[in-house]
Amino acid sequence: MTALGLGLDDINALTKLTRDGWHHMRVLRFPTLSQKSARGIGAHTDYGLLVIAAQDDVGGLYIRPPVEGEKRNRNWLSTESMAGMYENDDPWTFVKPVPSVLTVFPGDILQFLSNGYLLSTPHKVRLNTRERFALAYFHEPNFDACVRPLFDPSSDEHIHYGTHFTNMFMRCYPDRITTRRIINEDRLSILARLENKTLGRLTTMKNAYALQR
């Protein structure tokens, strides 16, 4: 549906990226509002492709609409992060729970793919007077997928999803044992070899296509 909406010639372009994708679901529990904190999750964007969320009737989810002149950070760059951005600045829109209605967020990958036509949605959660539960399903590219801009296939700009996912995990959870193991065991060098192999394969395919034309 997204490919059709974007008017892509290849309506399976996004489906191909998500074949054997790094999909996962999280069950989220938010405690009751207390004097200590009203913050459930700080402002952020999701760093994958697409998120489908279901919430109970308690409510607490807010999204930030596009603001003219406001910069939307690009999490795939090590120098930029959306974490905490504009968290206390208006406007934020409360997402009222509606039975049997799902909330769909474009993520950073979809913003990159569409060259900013579909923006990654900033969102946050405020605690409520009752305990709250939500389900979030993350529809992701294949770990070894190399994502390129949809409207400029000749561009050398790209995101290797496995590298992006790993970098974002390490940025968000610098103190976790998994992050320490990645660093101590030099797992990033393995990831770099994987990315170079994927890029080499895509370059060969690109050159072959150019010769055919």
C-alpha atoms as a PDB file:
ATOM      1  CA  MET A   1       0.000   0.000   0.000  1.00  0.00           C
ATOM      2  CA  THR A   2       2.845   2.382   0.790  1.00  0.00           C
ATOM      3  CA  ALA A   3       4.534   1.588  -2.531  1.00  0.00           C
ATOM      4  CA  LEU A   4       1.267   2.288  -4.380  1.00  0.00           C
ATOM      5  CA  GLY A   5       0.819   5.538  -2.486  1.00  0.00           C
ATOM      6  CA  LEU A   6       4.322   6.643  -3.435  1.00  0.00           C
ATOM      7  CA  GLY A   7       3.622   5.819  -7.088  1.00  0.00           C
ATOM      8  CA  LEU A   8       6.512   3.346  -7.391  1.00  0.00           C
ATOM      9  CA  ASP A   9       6.866   1.437 -10.653  1.00  0.00           C
ATOM     10  CA  ASP A  10       7.885  -1.630  -8.671  1.00  0.00           C
ATOM     11  CA  ILE A  11       5.080  -2.113  -6.145  1.00  0.00           C
ATOM     12  CA  ASN A  12       7.123  -4.889  -4.491  1.00  0.00           C
ATOM     13  CA  ALA A  13      10.116  -2.627  -3.815  1.00  0.00           C
ATOM     14  CA  LEU A  14       9.406  -2.344  -0.081  1.00  0.00           C
ATOM     15  CA  THR A  15       8.286  -5.971   0.223  1.00  0.00           C
ATOM     16  CA  LYS A  16      11.642  -7.128  -1.124  1.00  0.00           C
ATOM     17  CA  LEU A  17      13.436  -5.182   1.599  1.00  0.00           C
ATOM     18  CA  THR A  18      11.394  -6.836   4.340  1.00  0.00           C
ATOM     19  CA  ARG A  19      11.671 -10.435   3.149  1.00  0.00           C
ATOM     20  CA  ASP A  20      13.187 -12.359   6.097  1.00  0.00           C
ATOM     21  CA  GLY A  21      13.089  -9.015   7.908  1.00  0.00           C
ATOM     22  CA  TRP A  22      14.314  -8.213  11.386  1.00  0.00           C
ATOM     23  CA  HIS A  23      10.680  -8.078  12.568  1.00  0.00           C
ATOM     24  CA  HIS A  24       9.859  -8.104  16.257  1.00  0.00           C
ATOM     25  CA  MET A  25       7.096  -7.211  18.703  1.00  0.00           C
ATOM     26  CA  ARG A  26       7.308  -5.685  22.157  1.00  0.00           C
ATOM     27  CA  VAL A  27       4.786  -5.779  24.967  1.00  0.00           C
ATOM     28  CA  LEU A  28       5.037  -2.433  26.756  1.00  0.00           C
ATOM     29  CA  ARG A  29       3.868  -1.840  30.322  1.00  0.00           C
ATOM     30  CA  PHE A  30       3.698   1.643  31.790  1.00  0.00           C
ATOM     31  CA  PRO A  31       3.241   2.070  35.552  1.00  0.00           C
ATOM     32  CA  THR A  32       0.709   4.356  37.205  1.00  0.00           C
ATOM     33  CA  LEU A  33       1.529   8.063  37.376  1.00  0.00           C
ATOM     34  CA  SER A  34       3.357   8.937  40.582  1.00  0.00           C
ATOM     35  CA  GLN A  35       4.807  11.983  42.307  1.00  0.00           C
ATOM     36  CA  LYS A  36       8.247  10.866  41.174  1.00  0.00           C
ATOM     37  CA  SER A  37       7.578  10.815  37.432  1.00  0.00           C
ATOM     38  CA  ALA A  38       4.980  11.452  34.731  1.00  0.00           C
ATOM     39  CA  ARG A  39       7.316  10.353  31.926  1.00  0.00           C
ATOM     40  CA  GLY A  40       6.735   6.965  30.311  1.00  0.00           C
ATOM     41  CA  ILE A  41       9.009   7.146  27.254  1.00  0.00           C
ATOM     42  CA  GLY A  42      10.842  10.254  26.137  1.00  0.00           C
ATOM     43  CA  ALA A  43      10.448  11.824  22.704  1.00  0.00           C
ATOM     44  CA  HIS A  44      12.049   9.788  19.925  1.00  0.00           C
ATOM     45  CA  THR A  45      11.574   8.359  16.465  1.00  0.00           C
ATOM     46  CA  ASP A  46      11.759   4.666  15.654  1.00  0.00           C
ATOM     47  CA  TYR A  47      14.855   3.720  13.678  1.00  0.00           C
ATOM     48  CA  GLY A  48      13.331   1.010  11.500  1.00  0.00           C
ATOM     49  CA  LEU A  49      10.878   0.981   8.607  1.00  0.00           C
ATOM     50  CA  LEU A  50       7.340   0.871  10.002  1.00  0.00           C
ATOM     51  CA  VAL A  51       5.703   0.462  13.418  1.00  0.00           C
ATOM     52  CA  ILE A  52       2.162  -0.780  14.036  1.00  0.00           C
ATOM     53  CA  ALA A  53       0.953  -0.092  17.580  1.00  0.00           C
ATOM     54  CA  ALA A  54      -2.104  -1.187  19.562  1.00  0.00           C
ATOM     55  CA  GLN A  55      -2.911   0.448  22.885  1.00  0.00           C
ATOM     56  CA  ASP A  56      -5.448  -0.292  25.587  1.00  0.00           C
ATOM     57  CA  ASP A  57      -8.122   2.172  26.724  1.00  0.00           C
ATOM     58  CA  VAL A  58      -5.928   4.052  29.215  1.00  0.00           C
ATOM     59  CA  GLY A  59      -4.129   6.383  26.824  1.00  0.00           C
ATOM     60  CA  GLY A  60      -0.795   8.151  27.078  1.00  0.00           C
ATOM     61  CA  LEU A  61       0.639   8.251  23.552  1.00  0.00           C
ATOM     62  CA  TYR A  62       1.494  11.582  21.914  1.00  0.00           C
ATOM     63  CA  ILE A  63       2.824  12.307  18.424  1.00  0.00           C
ATOM     64  CA  ARG A  64       4.458  15.447  17.077  1.00  0.00           C
ATOM     65  CA  PRO A  65       3.054  16.763  13.781  1.00  0.00           C
ATOM     66  CA  PRO A  66       5.338  18.370  11.196  1.00  0.00           C
ATOM     67  CA  VAL A  67       6.261  21.934  12.190  1.00  0.00           C
ATOM     68  CA  GLU A  68       7.239  24.399   9.476  1.00  0.00           C
ATOM     69  CA  GLY A  69      10.946  25.145   9.585  1.00  0.00           C
ATOM     70  CA  GLU A  70      11.609  22.475  12.214  1.00  0.00           C
ATOM     71  CA  LYS A  71      14.461  20.146  11.430  1.00  0.00           C
ATOM     72  CA  ARG A  72      13.770  16.422  11.560  1.00  0.00           C
ATOM     73  CA  ASN A  73      16.955  14.759  12.696  1.00  0.00           C
ATOM     74  CA  ARG A  74      18.385  11.812  10.824  1.00  0.00           C
ATOM     75  CA  ASN A  75      19.178   9.061  13.299  1.00  0.00           C
ATOM     76  CA  TRP A  76      21.209   7.146  10.737  1.00  0.00           C
ATOM     77  CA  LEU A  77      23.935   9.817  11.035  1.00  0.00           C
ATOM     78  CA  SER A  78      26.191   9.510  14.062  1.00  0.00           C
ATOM     79  CA  THR A  79      26.079  13.296  14.520  1.00  0.00           C
ATOM     80  CA  GLU A  80      22.288  13.540  14.811  1.00  0.00           C
ATOM     81  CA  SER A  81      19.716  12.091  17.171  1.00  0.00           C
ATOM     82  CA  MET A  82      15.994  12.626  17.695  1.00  0.00           C
ATOM     83  CA  ALA A  83      16.111  11.354  21.279  1.00  0.00           C
ATOM     84  CA  GLY A  84      14.569  13.942  23.598  1.00  0.00           C
ATOM     85  CA  MET A  85      14.167  16.552  20.843  1.00  0.00           C
ATOM     86  CA  TYR A  86      11.295  19.036  21.376  1.00  0.00           C
ATOM     87  CA  GLU A  87       9.967  16.876  24.211  1.00  0.00           C
ATOM     88  CA  ASN A  88       8.690  19.867  26.183  1.00  0.00           C
ATOM     89  CA  ASP A  89       7.867  22.100  23.211  1.00  0.00           C
ATOM     90  CA  ASP A  90       4.407  22.353  21.678  1.00  0.00           C
ATOM     91  CA  PRO A  91       2.716  21.031  19.608  1.00  0.00           C
ATOM     92  CA  TRP A  92       2.088  17.428  20.619  1.00  0.00           C
ATOM     93  CA  THR A  93      -1.108  15.590  19.667  1.00  0.00           C
ATOM     94  CA  PHE A  94      -2.720  13.091  22.024  1.00  0.00           C
ATOM     95  CA  VAL A  95      -3.570   9.806  20.277  1.00  0.00           C
ATOM     96  CA  LYS A  96      -6.940   8.888  21.768  1.00  0.00           C
ATOM     97  CA  PRO A  97      -7.392   5.117  22.123  1.00  0.00           C
ATOM     98  CA  VAL A  98     -10.086   3.798  19.782  1.00  0.00           C
ATOM     99  CA  PRO A  99     -11.163   0.121  19.994  1.00  0.00           C
ATOM    100  CA  SER A 100      -9.858  -2.048  17.117  1.00  0.00           C
ATOM    101  CA  VAL A 101      -7.856   0.874  15.646  1.00  0.00           C
ATOM    102  CA  LEU A 102      -4.089   0.551  15.120  1.00  0.00           C
ATOM    103  CA  THR A 103      -1.600   3.430  15.019  1.00  0.00           C
ATOM    104  CA  VAL A 104       0.996   3.270  12.227  1.00  0.00           C
ATOM    105  CA  PHE A 105       4.300   5.171  12.406  1.00  0.00           C
ATOM    106  CA  PRO A 106       6.771   5.625   9.559  1.00  0.00           C
ATOM    107  CA  GLY A 107      10.300   5.072  10.893  1.00  0.00           C
ATOM    108  CA  ASP A 108      13.699   6.507   9.998  1.00  0.00           C
ATOM    109  CA  ILE A 109      14.259   4.032   7.158  1.00  0.00           C
ATOM    110  CA  LEU A 110      11.027   5.098   5.443  1.00  0.00           C
ATOM    111  CA  GLN A 111      12.027   8.756   5.790  1.00  0.00           C
ATOM    112  CA  PHE A 112      15.387   7.968   4.181  1.00  0.00           C
ATOM    113  CA  LEU A 113      13.826   5.847   1.419  1.00  0.00           C
ATOM    114  CA  SER A 114      11.287   8.537   0.477  1.00  0.00           C
ATOM    115  CA  ASN A 115      13.768  11.418   0.760  1.00  0.00           C
ATOM    116  CA  GLY A 116      11.689  12.969   3.546  1.00  0.00           C
ATOM    117  CA  TYR A 117       8.314  12.663   1.805  1.00  0.00           C
ATOM    118  CA  LEU A 118       7.183  10.331   4.611  1.00  0.00           C
ATOM    119  CA  LEU A 119       8.637  11.667   7.850  1.00  0.00           C
ATOM    120  CA  SER A 120       9.652   9.465  10.741  1.00  0.00           C
ATOM    121  CA  THR A 121       7.064  10.228  13.443  1.00  0.00           C
ATOM    122  CA  PRO A 122       8.332  11.678  16.748  1.00  0.00           C
ATOM    123  CA  HIS A 123       6.328  10.266  19.652  1.00  0.00           C
ATOM    124  CA  LYS A 124       6.415  10.019  23.435  1.00  0.00           C
ATOM    125  CA  VAL A 125       4.397   8.464  26.262  1.00  0.00           C
ATOM    126  CA  ARG A 126       3.098  10.165  29.390  1.00  0.00           C
ATOM    127  CA  LEU A 127       2.040   8.107  32.391  1.00  0.00           C
ATOM    128  CA  ASN A 128      -1.629   8.033  33.330  1.00  0.00           C
ATOM    129  CA  THR A 129      -3.664   7.529  36.496  1.00  0.00           C
ATOM    130  CA  ARG A 130      -3.857   3.804  35.728  1.00  0.00           C
ATOM    131  CA  GLU A 131      -1.391   1.196  34.560  1.00  0.00           C
ATOM    132  CA  ARG A 132      -1.188   1.123  30.752  1.00  0.00           C
ATOM    133  CA  PHE A 133      -0.286  -1.582  28.231  1.00  0.00           C
ATOM    134  CA  ALA A 134       0.550  -1.382  24.533  1.00  0.00           C
ATOM    135  CA  LEU A 135       1.787  -3.704  21.792  1.00  0.00           C
ATOM    136  CA  ALA A 136       4.285  -2.436  19.232  1.00  0.00           C
ATOM    137  CA  TYR A 137       5.123  -4.443  16.122  1.00  0.00           C
ATOM    138  CA  PHE A 138       8.247  -3.350  14.237  1.00  0.00           C
ATOM    139  CA  HIS A 139       8.250  -4.197  10.517  1.00  0.00           C
ATOM    140  CA  GLU A 140      11.885  -4.104   9.501  1.00  0.00           C
ATOM    141  CA  PRO A 141      14.197  -4.658   6.524  1.00  0.00           C
ATOM    142  CA  ASN A 142      16.342  -7.755   6.289  1.00  0.00           C
ATOM    143  CA  PHE A 143      19.392  -7.444   8.554  1.00  0.00           C
ATOM    144  CA  ASP A 144      21.657  -7.563   5.485  1.00  0.00           C
ATOM    145  CA  ALA A 145      19.477  -5.234   3.370  1.00  0.00           C
ATOM    146  CA  CYS A 146      21.128  -2.225   1.775  1.00  0.00           C
ATOM    147  CA  VAL A 147      18.579   0.580   1.609  1.00  0.00           C
ATOM    148  CA  ARG A 148      18.865   3.220  -1.126  1.00  0.00           C
ATOM    149  CA  PRO A 149      16.677   6.259  -1.958  1.00  0.00           C
ATOM    150  CA  LEU A 150      13.633   5.088  -3.933  1.00  0.00           C
ATOM    151  CA  PHE A 151      13.543   8.043  -6.286  1.00  0.00           C
ATOM    152  CA  ASP A 152      17.272   8.126  -7.050  1.00  0.00           C
ATOM    153  CA  PRO A 153      18.462   4.533  -7.589  1.00  0.00           C
ATOM    154  CA  SER A 154      21.750   5.758  -9.070  1.00  0.00           C
ATOM    155  CA  SER A 155      22.688   7.443  -5.780  1.00  0.00           C
ATOM    156  CA  ASP A 156      25.573   5.969  -3.809  1.00  0.00           C
ATOM    157  CA  GLU A 157      23.907   7.068  -0.563  1.00  0.00           C
ATOM    158  CA  HIS A 158      22.742   4.051   1.398  1.00  0.00           C
ATOM    159  CA  ILE A 159      21.942   2.554   4.786  1.00  0.00           C
ATOM    160  CA  HIS A 160      23.019  -0.983   5.609  1.00  0.00           C
ATOM    161  CA  TYR A 161      20.198  -1.945   7.935  1.00  0.00           C
ATOM    162  CA  GLY A 162      22.217  -4.312  10.141  1.00  0.00           C
ATOM    163  CA  THR A 163      24.837  -1.631  10.732  1.00  0.00           C
ATOM    164  CA  HIS A 164      22.173   1.009  11.401  1.00  0.00           C
ATOM    165  CA  PHE A 165      20.299  -1.232  13.826  1.00  0.00           C
ATOM    166  CA  THR A 166      23.485  -2.129  15.706  1.00  0.00           C
ATOM    167  CA  ASN A 167      24.672   1.470  15.913  1.00  0.00           C
ATOM    168  CA  MET A 168      21.291   2.620  17.218  1.00  0.00           C
ATOM    169  CA  PHE A 169      21.206  -0.173  19.808  1.00  0.00           C
ATOM    170  CA  MET A 170      24.668   0.784  21.046  1.00  0.00           C
ATOM    171  CA  ARG A 171      23.734   4.472  21.136  1.00  0.00           C
ATOM    172  CA  CYS A 172      20.523   3.819  23.106  1.00  0.00           C
ATOM    173  CA  TYR A 173      21.971   1.185  25.457  1.00  0.00           C
ATOM    174  CA  PRO A 174      25.678   2.010  25.944  1.00  0.00           C
ATOM    175  CA  ASP A 175      25.896   0.233  29.314  1.00  0.00           C
ATOM    176  CA  ARG A 176      24.246  -3.069  28.383  1.00  0.00           C
ATOM    177  CA  ILE A 177      26.297  -6.251  28.341  1.00  0.00           C
ATOM    178  CA  THR A 178      25.451  -6.770  24.651  1.00  0.00           C
ATOM    179  CA  THR A 179      27.027  -3.417  23.751  1.00  0.00           C
ATOM    180  CA  ARG A 180      30.130  -4.223  25.787  1.00  0.00           C
ATOM    181  CA  ARG A 181      30.473  -7.590  24.034  1.00  0.00           C
ATOM    182  CA  ILE A 182      30.130  -5.987  20.588  1.00  0.00           C
ATOM    183  CA  ILE A 183      33.026  -3.657  21.468  1.00  0.00           C
ATOM    184  CA  ASN A 184      35.210  -6.112  23.373  1.00  0.00           C
ATOM    185  CA  GLU A 185      34.888  -8.886  20.778  1.00  0.00           C
ATOM    186  CA  ASP A 186      35.297  -6.498  17.820  1.00  0.00           C
ATOM    187  CA  ARG A 187      31.963  -7.553  16.323  1.00  0.00           C
ATOM    188  CA  LEU A 188      31.776  -4.281  14.379  1.00  0.00           C
ATOM    189  CA  SER A 189      34.564  -5.486  12.080  1.00  0.00           C
ATOM    190  CA  ILE A 190      32.414  -8.521  11.169  1.00  0.00           C
ATOM    191  CA  LEU A 191      29.526  -6.173  10.429  1.00  0.00           C
ATOM    192  CA  ALA A 192      31.768  -3.995   8.238  1.00  0.00           C
ATOM    193  CA  ARG A 193      32.800  -7.032   6.162  1.00  0.00           C
ATOM    194  CA  LEU A 194      29.140  -8.002   5.780  1.00  0.00           C
ATOM    195  CA  GLU A 195      28.222  -4.491   4.631  1.00  0.00           C
ATOM    196  CA  ASN A 196      31.109  -4.358   2.126  1.00  0.00           C
ATOM    197  CA  LYS A 197      30.093  -7.732   0.711  1.00  0.00           C
ATOM    198  CA  THR A 198      26.507  -6.531   0.235  1.00  0.00           C
ATOM    199  CA  LEU A 199      27.639  -3.282  -1.395  1.00  0.00           C
ATOM    200  CA  GLY A 200      29.934  -5.210  -3.739  1.00  0.00           C
ATOM    201  CA  ARG A 201      27.077  -7.457  -4.822  1.00  0.00           C
ATOM    202  CA  LEU A 202      24.797  -4.473  -5.453  1.00  0.00           C
ATOM    203  CA  THR A 203      27.480  -2.654  -7.455  1.00  0.00           C
ATOM    204  CA  THR A 204      27.898  -5.704  -9.691  1.00  0.00           C
ATOM    205  CA  MET A 205      24.131  -5.864 -10.274  1.00  0.00           C
ATOM    206  CA  LYS A 206      23.999  -2.133 -10.966  1.00  0.00           C
ATOM    207  CA  ASN A 207      26.791  -2.341 -13.548  1.00  0.00           C
ATOM    208  CA  ALA A 208      25.171  -5.329 -15.238  1.00  0.00           C
ATOM    209  CA  TYR A 209      21.885  -3.441 -15.496  1.00  0.00           C
ATOM    210  CA  ALA A 210      23.667  -0.416 -17.013  1.00  0.00           C
ATOM    211  CA  LEU A 211      25.300  -2.637 -19.667  1.00  0.00           C
ATOM    212  CA  GLN A 212      21.933  -4.168 -20.592  1.00  0.00           C
ATOM    213  CA  ARG A 213      20.478  -0.716 -21.141  1.00  0.00           C
END
